[in-house]
Amino acid sequence: MKKVFIRVWGCQMNFYDADLIRDLLLSAGYELVEYEKDAQIILLHTCSVRDMAEQKVLNKIDDLVGKKKSHKLKTIIGITGCMAENRAGDIRERYPEVNILCGPGSYTDLPVMLERACSNQGHEESLGFESDRSYPVFVPHDKRLQSYVAVMRGCNNFCSYCIVPYVRGHEASRPMNEIKDEVRGLLDAGVKDITLLGQNVNSYGLEFHYNFVDLLEALNTFSEKFRIRFVTSHPKDATDELFKAMRDLDKITPYLHLPLQSGSDRILAKMNRKYTRTDYYKKIDSAKSIVPDISLSSDFIVGFPGESEDDFKQTIEAMKYVSYDSAFIFKYSTRTGTVAATYDDDVLQSVKEERNQILLDLQSDISLKQNKGYVGKTLEVLVEGKSKRNSRRLTGRSPQFKQVMFEGDESLVGSFVPVRITRVTPLTLFGNYIDE
């Protein structure tokens, strides 16, 4: 039995795909190991969305290949995920010692590829996308409270900065019955928190003549007590119908990730986002009106080519207007092959760093203000486990995806419990468990 170690970088979809790979390999008779030193096969499951992620992977490949050349390592080395698709030529030329290149459209080929590579120490590749690509229904082999479910793959939006459509292909929705079967299996395995994944979940089901709200309504019919979140929604496609589903369906949590990216209409147009700041505000105002307890998050890119000081100030204004509960803020990095790669990357790195920190500080202030609104309120918390910093405390999540800490017995893990919030920080709510 061959022993496999998998290291994962990247987004939630990447971690879901890594679970699929583990499931495929276990079913094929491979053994998964916790430590690299125990493995006969090392798989690096990679991300190409940002340069920093790619550089970390390349550094790791350098390390593994160096050990292989010096005969300190005799393992099979495999690159899976977005970098296999995006950087295949570079990896072939720079690292002939790498045995496997398997892109996001080819994971089902991986067990056979590994079998061949192990038998002859050769090179195996499976790249590109089939029009009828599909994946098996995922069932976890471990005990877990949270799990991801991909409802679709690929993206048709082609934002000018984004590599995803080129490495994951065009949008392809999974049939609703297949998703329901996967959710059914997760619930049977004890999962109580499910995140539905897609580059733009609002495009789900169009080829089947149903939509994402239809899927939410179908999943809401399961009798078990559990939560459903979803990411990501594209602002141009988010509708009042979706917001009403968040309000009316009891298993759908009031958490919405709606990436703005920039507060400047000029930059949004260069990004090919297909909406204006005013369009976005209308969506936000509607979401807040329909779902009063909604928690909002966003993505922002600072230092996009041509971003002026005035453009950046408009982003600051937008963050203040919306008052996000959280935000993910990134410095622009060129992705070869995208439209934005043809633009002059003219914002100095030092300016990107400064703007990044300004937004981080601003969001910290906004998050603290938002969290203070929960003091004195009682929230239903799904208890996830013990705190890593204080063994007397338990940690969990509210429906708004807020991290909540409180003192309680470990027997509460896996339960939904009431917690009255007493104090907060920008990232965490603290409270007291109410033993009813």
Protein backbone atom coordinates (compact mmCIF):
# COMPACT_ATOMS: atom_id res chain seq x y z
CA MET A 1 0.00 0.00 0.00
CA LYS A 2 1.54 3.31 -1.13
CA LYS A 3 1.65 6.11 1.44
CA VAL A 4 0.63 9.60 0.30
CA PHE A 5 1.20 13.01 1.88
CA ILE A 6 -0.84 15.96 0.57
CA ARG A 7 -0.06 19.62 1.26
CA VAL A 8 -2.69 22.20 0.29
CA TRP A 9 -2.51 25.89 -0.58
CA GLY A 10 -5.29 28.25 -1.61
CA CYS A 11 -9.02 28.85 -1.42
CA GLN A 12 -11.94 26.89 0.00
CA MET A 13 -12.49 25.20 -3.36
CA ASN A 14 -8.90 23.95 -3.23
CA PHE A 15 -9.48 22.40 0.20
CA TYR A 16 -12.67 20.77 -1.08
CA ASP A 17 -10.76 19.41 -4.09
CA ALA A 18 -8.06 18.10 -1.74
CA ASP A 19 -10.77 16.20 0.14
CA LEU A 20 -11.94 14.73 -3.17
CA ILE A 21 -8.39 13.66 -3.99
CA ARG A 22 -8.03 12.01 -0.57
CA ASP A 23 -11.33 10.21 -1.10
CA LEU A 24 -10.28 9.01 -4.57
CA LEU A 25 -6.92 7.75 -3.31
CA LEU A 26 -8.35 5.99 -0.26
CA SER A 27 -10.89 4.25 -2.48
CA ALA A 28 -8.05 3.15 -4.77
CA GLY A 29 -6.14 1.58 -1.88
CA TYR A 30 -3.63 4.31 -1.06
CA GLU A 31 -2.82 5.24 2.54
CA LEU A 32 -2.75 8.89 3.65
CA VAL A 33 -0.04 9.93 6.09
CA GLU A 34 0.23 13.00 8.30
CA TYR A 35 3.93 13.65 7.82
CA GLU A 36 5.92 14.18 4.65
CA LYS A 37 8.81 12.04 5.90
CA ASP A 38 6.57 8.95 6.00
CA ALA A 39 5.34 9.28 2.41
CA GLN A 40 6.27 7.47 -0.79
CA ILE A 41 4.23 9.99 -2.76
CA ILE A 42 4.13 13.74 -2.08
CA LEU A 43 1.34 15.76 -3.69
CA LEU A 44 1.41 19.55 -3.65
CA HIS A 45 -2.13 20.81 -4.21
CA THR A 46 -1.63 24.29 -5.56
CA CYS A 47 -3.14 27.74 -6.12
CA SER A 48 -2.44 30.28 -8.88
CA VAL A 49 -4.71 33.14 -7.84
CA ARG A 50 -1.87 35.21 -6.37
CA ASP A 51 1.85 35.36 -6.95
CA MET A 52 2.67 34.81 -3.28
CA ALA A 53 0.88 31.45 -3.28
CA GLU A 54 2.77 30.34 -6.39
CA GLN A 55 6.12 31.41 -4.94
CA LYS A 56 5.51 29.34 -1.80
CA VAL A 57 4.82 26.28 -3.95
CA LEU A 58 7.87 26.87 -6.14
CA ASN A 59 10.05 27.15 -3.03
CA LYS A 60 8.65 23.83 -1.82
CA ILE A 61 9.28 22.17 -5.19
CA ASP A 62 12.86 23.50 -5.10
CA ASP A 63 13.30 21.87 -1.68
CA LEU A 64 11.86 18.50 -2.75
CA VAL A 65 13.72 18.38 -6.07
CA GLY A 66 16.97 19.31 -4.33
CA LYS A 67 16.56 16.39 -1.95
CA LYS A 68 15.69 14.08 -4.84
CA LYS A 69 18.81 15.09 -6.76
CA SER A 70 20.98 14.44 -3.72
CA HIS A 71 19.32 11.04 -3.25
CA LYS A 72 17.88 12.08 0.14
CA LEU A 73 14.39 11.64 -1.27
CA LYS A 74 13.07 8.78 -3.39
CA THR A 75 9.42 9.73 -3.43
CA ILE A 76 7.10 10.44 -6.34
CA ILE A 77 6.45 14.22 -6.57
CA GLY A 78 3.11 15.38 -7.91
CA ILE A 79 1.70 18.84 -8.61
CA THR A 80 -2.09 19.04 -8.62
CA GLY A 81 -4.52 21.93 -8.94
CA CYS A 82 -4.27 25.32 -10.59
CA MET A 83 -0.48 25.55 -10.95
CA ALA A 84 -0.39 22.25 -12.79
CA GLU A 85 -2.74 23.80 -15.34
CA ASN A 86 -1.28 27.32 -15.33
CA ARG A 87 2.44 26.60 -15.05
CA ALA A 88 2.77 23.19 -16.72
CA GLY A 89 5.37 24.37 -19.23
CA ASP A 90 7.50 26.09 -16.59
CA ILE A 91 7.36 23.08 -14.28
CA ARG A 92 8.27 20.62 -17.06
CA GLU A 93 11.29 22.70 -18.04
CA ARG A 94 12.47 23.71 -14.59
CA TYR A 95 11.68 20.50 -12.69
CA PRO A 96 12.01 17.34 -14.79
CA GLU A 97 12.12 15.43 -11.49
CA VAL A 98 8.40 16.16 -10.94
CA ASN A 99 6.47 13.01 -11.84
CA ILE A 100 2.83 14.15 -11.90
CA LEU A 101 0.98 17.16 -13.33
CA CYS A 102 -2.77 16.93 -12.73
CA GLY A 103 -5.04 19.92 -13.34
CA PRO A 104 -8.41 20.79 -11.74
CA GLY A 105 -10.32 19.04 -14.53
CA SER A 106 -8.54 15.72 -14.11
CA TYR A 107 -8.56 14.57 -10.48
CA THR A 108 -10.36 11.33 -11.26
CA ASP A 109 -7.32 10.32 -13.36
CA LEU A 110 -4.96 10.67 -10.41
CA PRO A 111 -5.03 7.12 -8.95
CA VAL A 112 -4.07 5.58 -12.31
CA MET A 113 -1.44 8.26 -12.94
CA LEU A 114 0.17 7.53 -9.57
CA GLU A 115 0.13 3.79 -10.21
CA ARG A 116 1.98 4.28 -13.49
CA ALA A 117 4.47 6.76 -12.04
CA CYS A 118 5.23 4.44 -9.13
CA SER A 119 5.86 1.50 -11.44
CA ASN A 120 8.25 3.28 -13.80
CA GLN A 121 9.31 6.49 -11.98
CA GLY A 122 8.15 8.27 -15.13
CA HIS A 123 6.18 11.41 -15.92
CA GLU A 124 2.37 11.49 -16.11
CA GLU A 125 0.13 14.41 -17.09
CA SER A 126 -3.59 15.05 -17.24
CA LEU A 127 -4.53 18.64 -18.06
CA GLY A 128 -7.38 20.52 -19.72
CA PHE A 129 -11.15 20.21 -19.34
CA GLU A 130 -13.73 17.79 -20.69
CA SER A 131 -17.17 19.21 -21.52
CA ASP A 132 -18.84 16.46 -19.47
CA ARG A 133 -16.37 16.53 -16.55
CA SER A 134 -17.81 15.22 -13.31
CA TYR A 135 -16.62 14.09 -9.90
CA PRO A 136 -17.83 11.43 -7.51
CA VAL A 137 -20.04 12.36 -4.57
CA PHE A 138 -17.71 13.14 -1.66
CA VAL A 139 -18.19 11.30 1.63
CA PRO A 140 -15.76 12.17 4.44
CA HIS A 141 -13.61 9.41 5.89
CA ASP A 142 -12.99 11.45 9.05
CA LYS A 143 -15.25 12.87 11.75
CA ARG A 144 -15.97 16.55 11.12
CA LEU A 145 -18.55 19.23 11.88
CA GLN A 146 -17.85 21.43 8.84
CA SER A 147 -17.56 20.50 5.20
CA TYR A 148 -17.61 22.07 1.74
CA VAL A 149 -19.78 21.10 -1.21
CA ALA A 150 -18.93 22.33 -4.72
CA VAL A 151 -22.14 23.20 -6.56
CA MET A 152 -20.37 24.25 -9.74
CA ARG A 153 -16.92 24.64 -11.22
CA GLY A 154 -15.25 27.20 -13.45
CA CYS A 155 -16.15 30.80 -14.21
CA ASN A 156 -17.46 32.77 -17.19
CA ASN A 157 -16.91 36.28 -15.86
CA PHE A 158 -13.29 36.86 -16.95
CA CYS A 159 -12.46 39.66 -14.53
CA SER A 160 -9.36 41.22 -16.04
CA TYR A 161 -7.08 40.33 -13.09
CA CYS A 162 -8.28 36.77 -12.51
CA ILE A 163 -6.66 33.55 -13.66
CA VAL A 164 -9.52 31.26 -12.55
CA PRO A 165 -11.38 30.92 -15.91
CA TYR A 166 -8.10 29.90 -17.53
CA VAL A 167 -7.17 27.25 -14.95
CA ARG A 168 -10.62 25.95 -13.98
CA GLY A 169 -12.49 26.34 -17.26
CA HIS A 170 -15.99 27.58 -18.05
CA GLU A 171 -18.90 27.33 -15.64
CA ALA A 172 -20.39 23.89 -15.21
CA SER A 173 -23.07 23.22 -12.59
CA ARG A 174 -23.48 19.91 -10.82
CA PRO A 175 -26.93 18.30 -11.10
CA MET A 176 -29.11 19.13 -8.11
CA ASN A 177 -29.73 15.49 -7.22
CA GLU A 178 -25.98 14.87 -7.06
CA ILE A 179 -25.55 17.78 -4.65
CA LYS A 180 -28.46 16.57 -2.53
CA ASP A 181 -26.88 13.10 -2.37
CA GLU A 182 -23.59 14.60 -1.22
CA VAL A 183 -25.30 16.72 1.44
CA ARG A 184 -27.29 13.67 2.57
CA GLY A 185 -24.03 11.75 3.04
CA LEU A 186 -22.45 14.61 4.98
CA LEU A 187 -25.43 14.87 7.33
CA ASP A 188 -25.34 11.10 7.89
CA ALA A 189 -21.64 11.48 8.78
CA GLY A 190 -22.46 14.10 11.44
CA VAL A 191 -21.66 17.31 9.54
CA LYS A 192 -23.62 20.32 10.83
CA ASP A 193 -22.10 23.23 8.91
CA ILE A 194 -22.00 23.09 5.10
CA THR A 195 -20.53 25.73 2.79
CA LEU A 196 -21.67 25.63 -0.83
CA LEU A 197 -18.86 26.60 -3.19
CA GLY A 198 -18.72 28.19 -6.62
CA GLN A 199 -16.82 31.02 -8.27
CA ASN A 200 -20.25 32.60 -8.79
CA VAL A 201 -22.99 30.58 -7.11
CA ASN A 202 -25.61 32.93 -8.57
CA SER A 203 -24.94 31.36 -11.99
CA TYR A 204 -25.74 27.89 -10.64
CA GLY A 205 -28.13 25.72 -12.61
CA LEU A 206 -28.66 27.91 -15.64
CA GLU A 207 -27.88 25.03 -18.01
CA PHE A 208 -30.49 22.91 -16.18
CA HIS A 209 -33.17 25.63 -16.23
CA TYR A 210 -33.24 26.08 -12.48
CA ASN A 211 -31.31 28.47 -10.26
CA PHE A 212 -29.38 28.76 -7.03
CA VAL A 213 -32.42 29.66 -4.94
CA ASP A 214 -34.09 26.47 -6.19
CA LEU A 215 -31.09 24.55 -4.85
CA LEU A 216 -31.24 26.34 -1.48
CA GLU A 217 -34.94 25.53 -1.17
CA ALA A 218 -34.26 21.87 -1.96
CA LEU A 219 -31.48 21.57 0.62
CA ASN A 220 -33.58 23.36 3.23
CA THR A 221 -36.03 20.43 3.19
CA PHE A 222 -33.63 18.08 5.03
CA SER A 223 -34.98 17.47 8.53
CA GLU A 224 -31.66 17.56 10.42
CA LYS A 225 -30.55 20.69 12.26
CA PHE A 226 -27.61 22.13 10.32
CA ARG A 227 -26.41 25.33 8.67
CA ILE A 228 -25.77 26.30 5.06
CA ARG A 229 -23.51 29.12 3.89
CA PHE A 230 -22.39 29.86 0.35
CA VAL A 231 -19.51 31.61 -1.41
CA THR A 232 -19.03 33.41 -3.68
CA SER A 233 -21.80 35.67 -5.01
CA HIS A 234 -21.00 38.05 -7.85
CA PRO A 235 -22.56 41.50 -7.22
CA LYS A 236 -23.95 41.76 -10.74
CA ASP A 237 -26.00 38.59 -10.23
CA ALA A 238 -27.07 38.80 -6.56
CA THR A 239 -30.83 39.38 -6.41
CA ASP A 240 -33.62 40.14 -3.96
CA GLU A 241 -34.80 36.56 -4.55
CA LEU A 242 -31.54 35.35 -3.02
CA PHE A 243 -31.80 37.74 -0.07
CA LYS A 244 -35.39 36.63 0.59
CA ALA A 245 -34.24 33.00 0.60
CA MET A 246 -31.63 33.92 3.20
CA ARG A 247 -34.38 35.45 5.30
CA ASP A 248 -37.05 32.79 4.86
CA LEU A 249 -35.15 29.47 4.76
CA ASP A 250 -34.23 28.49 8.31
CA LYS A 251 -31.04 26.58 7.47
CA ILE A 252 -29.49 29.36 5.38
CA THR A 253 -27.29 31.59 7.51
CA PRO A 254 -27.41 35.42 7.32
CA TYR A 255 -23.86 35.68 6.00
CA LEU A 256 -23.13 37.15 2.57
CA HIS A 257 -19.73 37.39 0.92
CA LEU A 258 -20.16 39.95 -1.87
CA PRO A 259 -16.77 41.08 -3.22
CA LEU A 260 -16.64 44.74 -4.25
CA GLN A 261 -12.88 44.72 -5.17
CA SER A 262 -12.70 48.52 -5.58
CA GLY A 263 -14.80 51.56 -4.75
CA SER A 264 -13.82 53.34 -7.96
CA ASP A 265 -16.05 53.01 -11.02
CA ARG A 266 -13.03 53.62 -13.24
CA ILE A 267 -11.10 50.75 -11.68
CA LEU A 268 -14.16 48.49 -11.61
CA ALA A 269 -14.50 49.01 -15.38
CA LYS A 270 -10.82 48.16 -15.91
CA MET A 271 -11.36 45.06 -13.77
CA ASN A 272 -14.34 44.07 -16.00
CA ARG A 273 -16.55 43.67 -12.95
CA LYS A 274 -19.72 44.70 -14.86
CA TYR A 275 -21.24 46.88 -12.14
CA THR A 276 -20.74 50.36 -10.68
CA ARG A 277 -20.37 51.37 -7.08
CA THR A 278 -23.95 52.69 -7.16
CA ASP A 279 -25.18 49.32 -8.49
CA TYR A 280 -23.36 47.62 -5.63
CA TYR A 281 -24.77 49.98 -3.00
CA LYS A 282 -28.29 49.20 -4.19
CA LYS A 283 -27.64 45.48 -3.69
CA ILE A 284 -26.20 46.08 -0.22
CA ASP A 285 -29.06 48.35 0.84
CA SER A 286 -31.56 45.77 -0.35
CA ALA A 287 -29.77 42.91 1.43
CA LYS A 288 -29.71 44.86 4.70
CA SER A 289 -33.38 45.75 4.36
CA ILE A 290 -34.51 42.18 3.63
CA VAL A 291 -32.12 40.42 6.05
CA PRO A 292 -31.79 42.75 9.08
CA ASP A 293 -29.27 40.55 10.94
CA ILE A 294 -27.06 40.03 7.88
CA SER A 295 -23.28 39.83 8.21
CA LEU A 296 -21.34 41.13 5.20
CA SER A 297 -17.84 40.47 3.93
CA SER A 298 -15.93 41.48 0.82
CA ASP A 299 -12.68 41.20 -1.12
CA PHE A 300 -10.57 44.21 -2.09
CA ILE A 301 -7.55 44.58 -4.36
CA VAL A 302 -5.25 47.54 -3.74
CA GLY A 303 -2.69 48.78 -6.23
CA PHE A 304 -4.52 47.61 -9.34
CA PRO A 305 -2.83 49.08 -12.46
CA GLY A 306 -3.69 52.75 -12.75
CA GLU A 307 -5.21 53.05 -9.25
CA SER A 308 -4.80 56.71 -8.27
CA GLU A 309 -5.00 58.23 -4.84
CA ASP A 310 -8.55 59.35 -5.63
CA ASP A 311 -9.51 55.82 -6.71
CA PHE A 312 -8.17 54.50 -3.42
CA LYS A 313 -10.06 57.13 -1.41
CA GLN A 314 -13.28 55.96 -3.09
CA THR A 315 -12.54 52.44 -1.84
CA ILE A 316 -12.15 53.80 1.68
CA GLU A 317 -15.50 55.59 1.31
CA ALA A 318 -17.14 52.38 0.12
CA MET A 319 -15.84 50.38 3.07
CA LYS A 320 -17.23 52.98 5.44
CA TYR A 321 -20.58 53.11 3.65
CA VAL A 322 -21.16 49.35 3.76
CA SER A 323 -19.60 48.72 7.20
CA TYR A 324 -18.45 45.17 6.46
CA ASP A 325 -18.15 42.70 9.30
CA SER A 326 -14.95 41.44 7.69
CA ALA A 327 -12.92 41.93 4.54
CA PHE A 328 -10.11 40.15 2.72
CA ILE A 329 -7.62 42.67 1.37
CA PHE A 330 -4.95 41.82 -1.19
CA LYS A 331 -2.13 43.62 -2.97
CA TYR A 332 -2.43 43.33 -6.75
CA SER A 333 -0.05 40.89 -8.42
CA THR A 334 0.14 40.27 -12.16
CA ARG A 335 -1.27 36.94 -13.38
CA THR A 336 0.28 36.02 -16.72
CA GLY A 337 -2.37 35.30 -19.34
CA THR A 338 -5.00 37.65 -17.93
CA VAL A 339 -6.08 40.89 -19.59
CA ALA A 340 -4.69 42.93 -16.70
CA ALA A 341 -1.26 41.43 -17.36
CA THR A 342 -1.16 43.68 -20.45
CA TYR A 343 -1.60 46.78 -18.28
CA ASP A 344 1.34 48.70 -16.86
CA ASP A 345 1.71 47.60 -13.23
CA ASP A 346 2.47 51.20 -12.31
CA VAL A 347 1.59 51.36 -8.61
CA LEU A 348 4.76 51.12 -6.54
CA GLN A 349 5.06 48.15 -4.22
CA SER A 350 5.57 50.53 -1.30
CA VAL A 351 2.26 52.24 -2.18
CA LYS A 352 0.51 48.87 -2.39
CA GLU A 353 1.87 47.99 1.04
CA GLU A 354 0.74 51.32 2.49
CA ARG A 355 -2.78 51.10 1.02
CA ASN A 356 -3.10 47.50 2.13
CA GLN A 357 -2.29 48.45 5.71
CA ILE A 358 -4.66 51.44 5.65
CA LEU A 359 -7.55 49.18 4.65
CA LEU A 360 -6.58 46.52 7.20
CA ASP A 361 -6.59 49.13 9.96
CA LEU A 362 -9.88 50.60 8.77
CA GLN A 363 -11.53 47.20 8.60
CA SER A 364 -10.31 46.39 12.12
CA ASP A 365 -12.04 49.54 13.40
CA ILE A 366 -15.24 48.76 11.48
CA SER A 367 -15.24 45.12 12.64
CA LEU A 368 -14.91 46.21 16.27
CA LYS A 369 -17.81 48.63 15.88
CA GLN A 370 -19.95 45.95 14.21
CA ASN A 371 -19.11 43.40 16.90
CA LYS A 372 -19.98 45.79 19.73
CA GLY A 373 -23.54 45.62 18.44
CA TYR A 374 -23.69 42.00 19.63
CA VAL A 375 -22.89 42.79 23.28
CA GLY A 376 -25.88 41.83 25.42
CA LYS A 377 -27.38 39.63 22.68
CA THR A 378 -27.78 35.87 22.88
CA LEU A 379 -26.55 33.96 19.83
CA GLU A 380 -26.94 30.34 18.85
CA VAL A 381 -23.40 28.95 18.56
CA LEU A 382 -22.31 25.72 16.89
CA VAL A 383 -19.53 24.53 19.21
CA GLU A 384 -16.51 23.47 17.16
CA GLY A 385 -13.97 22.52 19.83
CA LYS A 386 -11.64 23.71 22.56
CA SER A 387 -9.80 27.00 22.26
CA LYS A 388 -6.13 26.56 21.32
CA ARG A 389 -5.10 29.39 23.66
CA ASN A 390 -7.27 28.69 26.72
CA SER A 391 -8.18 25.11 27.57
CA ARG A 392 -11.13 26.26 29.70
CA ARG A 393 -12.77 27.91 26.73
CA LEU A 394 -14.74 26.47 23.85
CA THR A 395 -14.93 28.05 20.40
CA GLY A 396 -17.67 28.05 17.83
CA ARG A 397 -19.51 30.08 15.19
CA SER A 398 -22.69 32.11 15.22
CA PRO A 399 -25.10 32.11 12.25
CA GLN A 400 -23.39 35.35 11.15
CA PHE A 401 -20.08 33.41 10.93
CA LYS A 402 -18.70 35.19 13.98
CA GLN A 403 -16.16 33.35 16.08
CA VAL A 404 -17.50 33.02 19.64
CA MET A 405 -15.48 32.03 22.72
CA PHE A 406 -16.97 30.96 26.05
CA GLU A 407 -16.25 28.71 29.01
CA GLY A 408 -17.97 25.35 28.93
CA ASP A 409 -17.60 21.58 29.12
CA GLU A 410 -16.06 19.76 26.16
CA SER A 411 -19.19 17.60 25.96
CA LEU A 412 -20.87 20.58 24.24
CA VAL A 413 -18.71 20.17 21.12
CA GLY A 414 -20.96 19.48 18.15
CA SER A 415 -24.00 21.05 19.79
CA PHE A 416 -25.91 24.26 19.09
CA VAL A 417 -25.93 26.26 22.32
CA PRO A 418 -27.06 29.75 23.44
CA VAL A 419 -24.28 32.17 24.37
CA ARG A 420 -24.86 35.69 25.72
CA ILE A 421 -22.17 38.05 24.41
CA THR A 422 -20.38 40.11 27.07
CA ARG A 423 -17.35 41.60 25.29
CA VAL A 424 -15.76 41.69 21.84
CA THR A 425 -12.59 42.29 19.84
CA PRO A 426 -12.43 43.00 16.09
CA LEU A 427 -12.19 39.26 15.38
CA THR A 428 -13.93 37.50 18.27
CA LEU A 429 -17.04 37.61 20.43
CA PHE A 430 -16.75 36.46 24.07
CA GLY A 431 -19.69 35.40 26.17
CA ASN A 432 -21.33 33.14 28.70
CA TYR A 433 -23.00 29.83 27.95
CA ILE A 434 -26.65 29.82 29.03
CA ASP A 435 -27.44 26.39 30.47
CA GLU A 436 -31.15 26.09 29.83
